[in-house]
Amino acid sequence: MHAIVMREFGGPEVLRTEEVPEPEPRAGHLAVEVSLAGINYADMHVRGNTYLAPVDLPYIPGNEVMGTTDDGRRVIGLSRGGGYAERALLHRRVTWDVPDGIGDEQAVALALQGNSAWHLLFTTLRVTAGETLVVPAAAGGVGSLAVQLAAHAGVKVIALGGSEEKRKLAVDLGAHAAVDSTADDLTERILEAAGGPVRAALEMTGGDTFHRTLDAVAPRGRLAVYGYASGEMAQVPTRHLMERSLTVSGFWLPQLYGDRTALPTSMRALFDAVEAGTLTPLTGARYPLDRASQAHRDLAARIPTGKLMLDVRRRSTEAAPGSAI
């Protein structure tokens, strides 16, 4: 089979197409013929050797797989690598049958990013109607879903976006207001848009953006960290947290993979919301398998909106509607 293989850590150029053996059957796993593989910031951290969990080389990246089982079931699942390939193994516990009314591209957007958004809001931050929430990268994968889920729950959303187009999109999705995430006076802009300090915030950029967002959180408020896209880790003085009784929580979705109820609950809620029309996954560009490096460059540049994915069955000489070549 064909797969994207990393034999060294580094830039997008380390993602190379190779012919490799199909994965060996494993107890508790399903073999899946992959149609689409989701692309996430986590994949870029793996490539740069900055991921939360170390990986051994050679390595096939990709933690989000849409495909068909050998008995013909349409499934979406999560993996610990191996997704950028024509066939993959998915553990039964984190694999779900996709309802007929949900398309392949929509399902890919829900698996890692949808579950992350749901649990960040309702398990980690425990947002409730009437609260005000900051959502970063609000036109991106997790952000666009978090905006919609929170707004539908009656939460007042202050969205962050790096361009006018992305900020407008966030408002269209249900945000109360949208703020330029690149502004030096980000804290003041959040406070103005929210009408005062916010009760809760999501954060995935790190560095100065982390501190500017935290400074907009009210005393006894909560902030959940789920990434550091800038590559800069933030440090928080204990005294700063104590003075304002702030709660800062970390979140990493794989910690829920072994929970028998957490992900099935959120996945059912996400499927139901899409089918009811209250949640619309934003699907972005589809790249042929051998253009994985370009997909990583585009994601790093934060140019596209919506969920990026690899069309595993297609090569760059075979353009398809919606593809990026």
Protein backbone atom coordinates (compact mmCIF):
# COMPACT_ATOMS: atom_id res chain seq x y z
CA MET A 1 0.00 0.00 0.00
CA HIS A 2 1.00 3.65 -0.34
CA ALA A 3 1.55 5.79 2.75
CA ILE A 4 3.24 8.98 3.90
CA VAL A 5 6.33 7.96 5.84
CA MET A 6 8.57 10.08 8.08
CA ARG A 7 12.11 8.77 8.38
CA GLU A 8 13.38 11.88 10.12
CA PHE A 9 11.95 14.83 12.01
CA GLY A 10 11.86 18.24 10.39
CA GLY A 11 9.89 20.41 8.00
CA PRO A 12 7.11 19.41 5.61
CA GLU A 13 9.71 17.96 3.23
CA VAL A 14 10.14 14.91 5.51
CA LEU A 15 6.64 13.72 4.51
CA ARG A 16 7.33 11.35 1.62
CA THR A 17 5.13 8.89 -0.23
CA GLU A 18 6.37 5.30 -0.02
CA GLU A 19 5.10 1.80 -0.67
CA VAL A 20 4.94 -0.08 2.62
CA PRO A 21 3.42 -3.37 3.89
CA GLU A 22 -0.19 -3.29 5.03
CA PRO A 23 -0.64 -3.20 8.82
CA GLU A 24 -0.78 -6.60 10.49
CA PRO A 25 -4.12 -7.57 12.10
CA ARG A 26 -4.35 -6.83 15.85
CA ALA A 27 -6.80 -7.95 18.49
CA GLY A 28 -9.47 -5.37 19.23
CA HIS A 29 -8.78 -3.44 16.01
CA LEU A 30 -10.60 -2.99 12.71
CA ALA A 31 -8.80 -2.92 9.37
CA VAL A 32 -10.06 0.07 7.38
CA GLU A 33 -9.69 1.00 3.72
CA VAL A 34 -8.94 4.71 4.13
CA SER A 35 -10.72 7.28 1.99
CA LEU A 36 -9.90 10.48 3.90
CA ALA A 37 -7.34 11.29 6.59
CA GLY A 38 -7.69 14.39 8.73
CA ILE A 39 -4.84 16.88 9.04
CA ASN A 40 -4.29 18.50 12.43
CA TYR A 41 -1.82 20.69 14.30
CA ALA A 42 -0.88 17.57 16.26
CA ASP A 43 0.51 16.12 13.01
CA MET A 44 2.82 19.12 12.66
CA HIS A 45 4.05 18.68 16.23
CA VAL A 46 4.75 15.00 15.50
CA ARG A 47 6.67 15.97 12.38
CA GLY A 48 8.76 18.47 14.34
CA ASN A 49 9.31 16.11 17.29
CA THR A 50 7.45 18.43 19.68
CA TYR A 51 4.38 16.25 20.22
CA LEU A 52 3.20 15.42 23.74
CA ALA A 53 3.91 11.73 23.14
CA PRO A 54 7.20 10.69 21.49
CA VAL A 55 7.08 8.62 18.31
CA ASP A 56 9.57 6.17 16.86
CA LEU A 57 10.85 6.49 13.29
CA PRO A 58 10.00 5.48 10.66
CA TYR A 59 6.48 6.73 11.33
CA ILE A 60 3.24 7.12 9.40
CA PRO A 61 1.41 10.21 10.74
CA GLY A 62 -2.33 10.76 10.92
CA ASN A 63 -4.68 10.31 13.87
CA GLU A 64 -8.06 10.68 12.13
CA VAL A 65 -9.36 8.17 9.60
CA MET A 66 -12.50 7.94 7.48
CA GLY A 67 -12.98 4.75 5.54
CA THR A 68 -14.67 1.41 5.01
CA THR A 69 -14.22 -1.81 6.95
CA ASP A 70 -13.70 -5.11 5.18
CA ASP A 71 -17.38 -5.92 5.77
CA GLY A 72 -18.51 -2.66 4.12
CA ARG A 73 -19.26 -0.39 7.11
CA ARG A 74 -18.59 3.37 6.77
CA VAL A 75 -16.61 4.33 9.86
CA ILE A 76 -14.74 7.25 11.36
CA GLY A 77 -12.07 6.61 13.95
CA LEU A 78 -9.11 7.86 15.89
CA SER A 79 -5.65 6.33 15.92
CA ARG A 80 -2.21 6.92 17.32
CA GLY A 81 -0.61 7.41 13.94
CA GLY A 82 -0.99 5.43 10.74
CA GLY A 83 -3.76 7.52 9.18
CA TYR A 84 -1.86 8.89 6.16
CA ALA A 85 -2.10 5.54 4.38
CA GLU A 86 -4.34 3.48 2.13
CA ARG A 87 -5.13 1.07 4.98
CA ALA A 88 -5.09 1.62 8.72
CA LEU A 89 -5.94 -0.13 11.96
CA LEU A 90 -8.47 1.50 14.29
CA HIS A 91 -9.25 0.34 17.81
CA ARG A 92 -12.89 -0.65 18.11
CA ARG A 93 -13.31 1.57 21.18
CA VAL A 94 -12.56 4.73 19.20
CA THR A 95 -14.28 3.81 15.93
CA TRP A 96 -17.85 4.74 15.10
CA ASP A 97 -20.29 3.90 12.32
CA VAL A 98 -21.18 7.04 10.38
CA PRO A 99 -24.92 7.74 10.00
CA ASP A 100 -26.22 7.77 6.43
CA GLY A 101 -27.13 11.45 6.66
CA ILE A 102 -23.55 12.56 7.39
CA GLY A 103 -20.97 12.84 4.61
CA ASP A 104 -17.41 11.57 4.75
CA GLU A 105 -15.90 15.06 4.94
CA GLN A 106 -18.25 16.08 7.74
CA ALA A 107 -17.36 12.96 9.71
CA VAL A 108 -13.62 13.65 9.41
CA ALA A 109 -14.16 17.12 10.90
CA LEU A 110 -15.93 15.60 13.92
CA ALA A 111 -13.57 12.85 15.01
CA LEU A 112 -10.60 14.61 16.57
CA GLN A 113 -11.60 18.26 16.38
CA GLY A 114 -15.30 17.78 17.11
CA ASN A 115 -14.67 15.59 20.13
CA SER A 116 -12.02 18.02 21.33
CA ALA A 117 -14.37 21.00 21.04
CA TRP A 118 -17.20 19.15 22.82
CA HIS A 119 -15.10 18.02 25.78
CA LEU A 120 -13.26 21.32 26.11
CA LEU A 121 -16.60 23.07 26.48
CA PHE A 122 -18.68 20.61 28.44
CA THR A 123 -16.21 18.42 30.33
CA THR A 124 -13.23 20.69 31.02
CA LEU A 125 -14.69 24.22 31.20
CA ARG A 126 -18.28 23.12 31.95
CA VAL A 127 -19.69 26.23 30.28
CA THR A 128 -23.30 27.16 30.98
CA ALA A 129 -25.86 29.43 29.36
CA GLY A 130 -25.27 33.11 30.03
CA GLU A 131 -21.50 32.84 30.46
CA THR A 132 -19.03 34.58 28.17
CA LEU A 133 -16.35 32.48 26.45
CA VAL A 134 -13.27 33.30 24.34
CA VAL A 135 -12.69 30.95 21.40
CA PRO A 136 -9.34 31.22 19.52
CA ALA A 137 -8.79 30.34 15.86
CA ALA A 138 -12.56 30.58 15.53
CA ALA A 139 -12.55 29.82 11.79
CA GLY A 140 -10.39 26.73 12.24
CA GLY A 141 -11.28 23.12 12.93
CA VAL A 142 -11.78 23.07 16.71
CA GLY A 143 -12.65 26.76 16.91
CA SER A 144 -15.46 26.79 14.36
CA LEU A 145 -17.12 23.81 16.04
CA ALA A 146 -16.64 25.29 19.52
CA VAL A 147 -18.27 28.56 18.43
CA GLN A 148 -21.36 26.73 17.20
CA LEU A 149 -21.64 24.32 20.12
CA ALA A 150 -21.22 27.10 22.68
CA ALA A 151 -23.61 29.50 20.97
CA HIS A 152 -26.26 26.80 20.72
CA ALA A 153 -25.84 26.21 24.47
CA GLY A 154 -26.61 29.87 25.17
CA VAL A 155 -23.01 30.97 25.75
CA LYS A 156 -21.88 34.43 24.61
CA VAL A 157 -18.87 33.77 22.37
CA ILE A 158 -16.01 36.21 21.77
CA ALA A 159 -14.19 34.79 18.77
CA LEU A 160 -10.55 35.41 17.86
CA GLY A 161 -9.39 35.45 14.23
CA GLY A 162 -6.35 36.68 12.35
CA SER A 163 -8.17 38.14 9.34
CA GLU A 164 -11.36 40.05 8.62
CA GLU A 165 -12.66 37.09 6.60
CA LYS A 166 -12.15 34.68 9.50
CA ARG A 167 -13.73 37.06 12.01
CA LYS A 168 -16.78 37.51 9.80
CA LEU A 169 -17.11 33.75 9.45
CA ALA A 170 -17.03 33.34 13.23
CA VAL A 171 -19.85 35.85 13.66
CA ASP A 172 -21.85 34.08 10.95
CA LEU A 173 -21.40 30.84 12.93
CA GLY A 174 -22.93 32.41 16.03
CA ALA A 175 -20.22 34.40 17.82
CA HIS A 176 -21.41 37.53 19.64
CA ALA A 177 -18.30 39.43 18.51
CA ALA A 178 -14.96 38.77 16.84
CA VAL A 179 -11.57 40.25 17.74
CA ASP A 180 -8.27 40.48 15.86
CA SER A 181 -6.09 37.79 17.47
CA THR A 182 -2.88 39.47 16.25
CA ALA A 183 -3.50 42.80 18.05
CA ASP A 184 -0.98 43.85 20.70
CA ASP A 185 -3.87 45.12 22.83
CA LEU A 186 -5.73 41.80 22.61
CA THR A 187 -6.74 41.85 26.27
CA GLU A 188 -8.37 45.25 25.98
CA ARG A 189 -10.18 44.26 22.78
CA ILE A 190 -11.59 41.13 24.40
CA LEU A 191 -12.77 43.12 27.42
CA GLU A 192 -14.43 45.71 25.19
CA ALA A 193 -16.16 43.10 23.03
CA ALA A 194 -17.34 41.11 26.06
CA GLY A 195 -18.38 44.10 28.14
CA GLY A 196 -15.91 43.14 30.86
CA PRO A 197 -13.87 40.12 31.95
CA VAL A 198 -14.96 36.72 30.57
CA ARG A 199 -15.87 33.70 32.67
CA ALA A 200 -14.12 31.15 30.48
CA ALA A 201 -11.61 30.92 27.65
CA LEU A 202 -10.00 28.41 25.33
CA GLU A 203 -6.34 28.82 24.38
CA MET A 204 -4.18 27.05 21.77
CA THR A 205 -1.59 29.59 20.62
CA GLY A 206 0.80 29.95 23.54
CA GLY A 207 3.31 32.74 24.13
CA ASP A 208 1.99 36.28 24.45
CA THR A 209 -1.48 35.28 23.23
CA PHE A 210 -1.85 32.94 26.19
CA HIS A 211 -1.07 35.69 28.70
CA ARG A 212 -3.23 38.28 26.94
CA THR A 213 -6.15 35.86 26.92
CA LEU A 214 -5.66 34.89 30.57
CA ASP A 215 -5.60 38.57 31.55
CA ALA A 216 -9.12 38.92 30.14
CA VAL A 217 -10.50 36.15 32.37
CA ALA A 218 -12.48 37.25 35.42
CA PRO A 219 -11.51 36.29 38.99
CA ARG A 220 -12.59 32.67 39.64
CA GLY A 221 -12.74 32.15 35.88
CA ARG A 222 -11.44 29.19 33.89
CA LEU A 223 -9.06 28.76 30.97
CA ALA A 224 -8.48 25.50 29.09
CA VAL A 225 -5.26 24.98 27.13
CA TYR A 226 -5.27 22.53 24.23
CA GLY A 227 -2.25 23.53 22.14
CA TYR A 228 0.62 25.89 21.50
CA ALA A 229 0.47 26.56 17.77
CA SER A 230 3.06 29.34 17.99
CA GLY A 231 5.61 26.84 19.32
CA GLU A 232 6.02 28.94 22.49
CA MET A 233 5.06 27.36 25.78
CA ALA A 234 3.63 29.76 28.36
CA GLN A 235 4.60 29.89 32.03
CA VAL A 236 2.10 31.06 34.65
CA PRO A 237 3.31 32.31 38.05
CA THR A 238 1.49 30.54 40.88
CA ARG A 239 0.87 33.85 42.62
CA HIS A 240 -0.96 35.20 39.55
CA LEU A 241 -3.36 32.25 39.70
CA MET A 242 -3.87 32.52 43.45
CA GLU A 243 -4.52 36.28 43.50
CA ARG A 244 -7.46 35.89 41.11
CA SER A 245 -8.47 32.32 42.00
CA LEU A 246 -8.05 31.29 38.36
CA THR A 247 -8.31 27.73 37.11
CA VAL A 248 -6.05 26.76 34.20
CA SER A 249 -6.67 23.27 32.82
CA GLY A 250 -4.84 21.27 30.20
CA PHE A 251 -6.61 19.09 27.66
CA TRP A 252 -5.35 16.30 25.40
CA LEU A 253 -7.97 14.14 23.69
CA PRO A 254 -6.01 10.83 23.80
CA GLN A 255 -6.47 10.85 27.57
CA LEU A 256 -10.12 9.95 26.88
CA TYR A 257 -9.42 7.05 24.50
CA GLY A 258 -9.59 4.51 27.31
CA ASP A 259 -12.81 5.92 28.80
CA ARG A 260 -15.76 3.71 27.85
CA THR A 261 -18.36 6.49 27.94
CA ALA A 262 -16.69 9.86 27.25
CA LEU A 263 -16.12 9.66 23.50
CA PRO A 264 -19.22 7.62 22.65
CA THR A 265 -21.27 10.29 24.45
CA SER A 266 -19.68 13.21 22.60
CA MET A 267 -19.66 11.44 19.24
CA ARG A 268 -23.40 10.71 19.52
CA ALA A 269 -24.06 14.34 20.49
CA LEU A 270 -22.03 15.59 17.52
CA PHE A 271 -23.75 13.29 15.03
CA ASP A 272 -27.15 14.34 16.42
CA ALA A 273 -26.27 18.05 16.17
CA VAL A 274 -25.18 17.73 12.53
CA GLU A 275 -28.29 15.77 11.62
CA ALA A 276 -30.47 18.34 13.42
CA GLY A 277 -28.79 21.21 11.56
CA THR A 278 -27.44 22.95 14.68
CA LEU A 279 -23.81 22.12 13.88
CA THR A 280 -22.13 22.54 10.50
CA PRO A 281 -18.57 21.20 10.19
CA LEU A 282 -16.48 23.49 7.99
CA THR A 283 -14.77 21.35 5.41
CA GLY A 284 -11.71 22.84 3.73
CA ALA A 285 -9.32 21.69 1.04
CA ARG A 286 -8.72 18.05 0.14
CA TYR A 287 -5.15 17.24 -0.86
CA PRO A 288 -3.97 14.18 -2.80
CA LEU A 289 -1.95 11.82 -0.63
CA ASP A 290 1.35 12.82 -2.22
CA ARG A 291 0.68 16.50 -1.39
CA ALA A 292 0.78 16.00 2.35
CA SER A 293 3.78 18.32 2.65
CA GLN A 294 1.86 21.14 0.96
CA ALA A 295 -1.08 20.57 3.27
CA HIS A 296 1.22 21.00 6.27
CA ARG A 297 2.65 24.21 4.81
CA ASP A 298 -0.82 25.64 4.27
CA LEU A 299 -1.95 24.71 7.77
CA ALA A 300 1.16 26.29 9.30
CA ALA A 301 0.49 29.50 7.35
CA ARG A 302 -3.09 29.51 8.68
CA ILE A 303 -4.31 30.46 5.23
CA PRO A 304 -7.21 28.03 4.75
CA THR A 305 -10.39 27.79 6.79
CA GLY A 306 -12.21 24.62 7.69
CA LYS A 307 -11.00 21.07 8.04
CA LEU A 308 -8.03 20.05 5.88
CA MET A 309 -7.76 16.43 4.81
CA LEU A 310 -5.89 14.03 2.57
CA ASP A 311 -7.81 12.25 -0.18
CA VAL A 312 -5.85 9.04 0.25
CA ARG A 313 -7.12 7.42 -2.95
CA ARG A 314 -5.97 10.28 -5.17
CA ARG A 315 -2.58 11.47 -6.45
CA SER A 316 -1.57 14.99 -7.50
CA THR A 317 -1.96 14.14 -11.20
CA GLU A 318 -5.65 13.35 -10.59
CA ALA A 319 -7.41 16.56 -9.59
CA ALA A 320 -10.83 16.36 -7.97
CA PRO A 321 -13.42 19.02 -7.14
CA GLY A 322 -12.42 20.71 -3.91
CA SER A 323 -8.89 19.31 -4.00
CA ALA A 324 -5.74 21.36 -3.60
CA ILE A 325 -2.91 20.57 -5.99
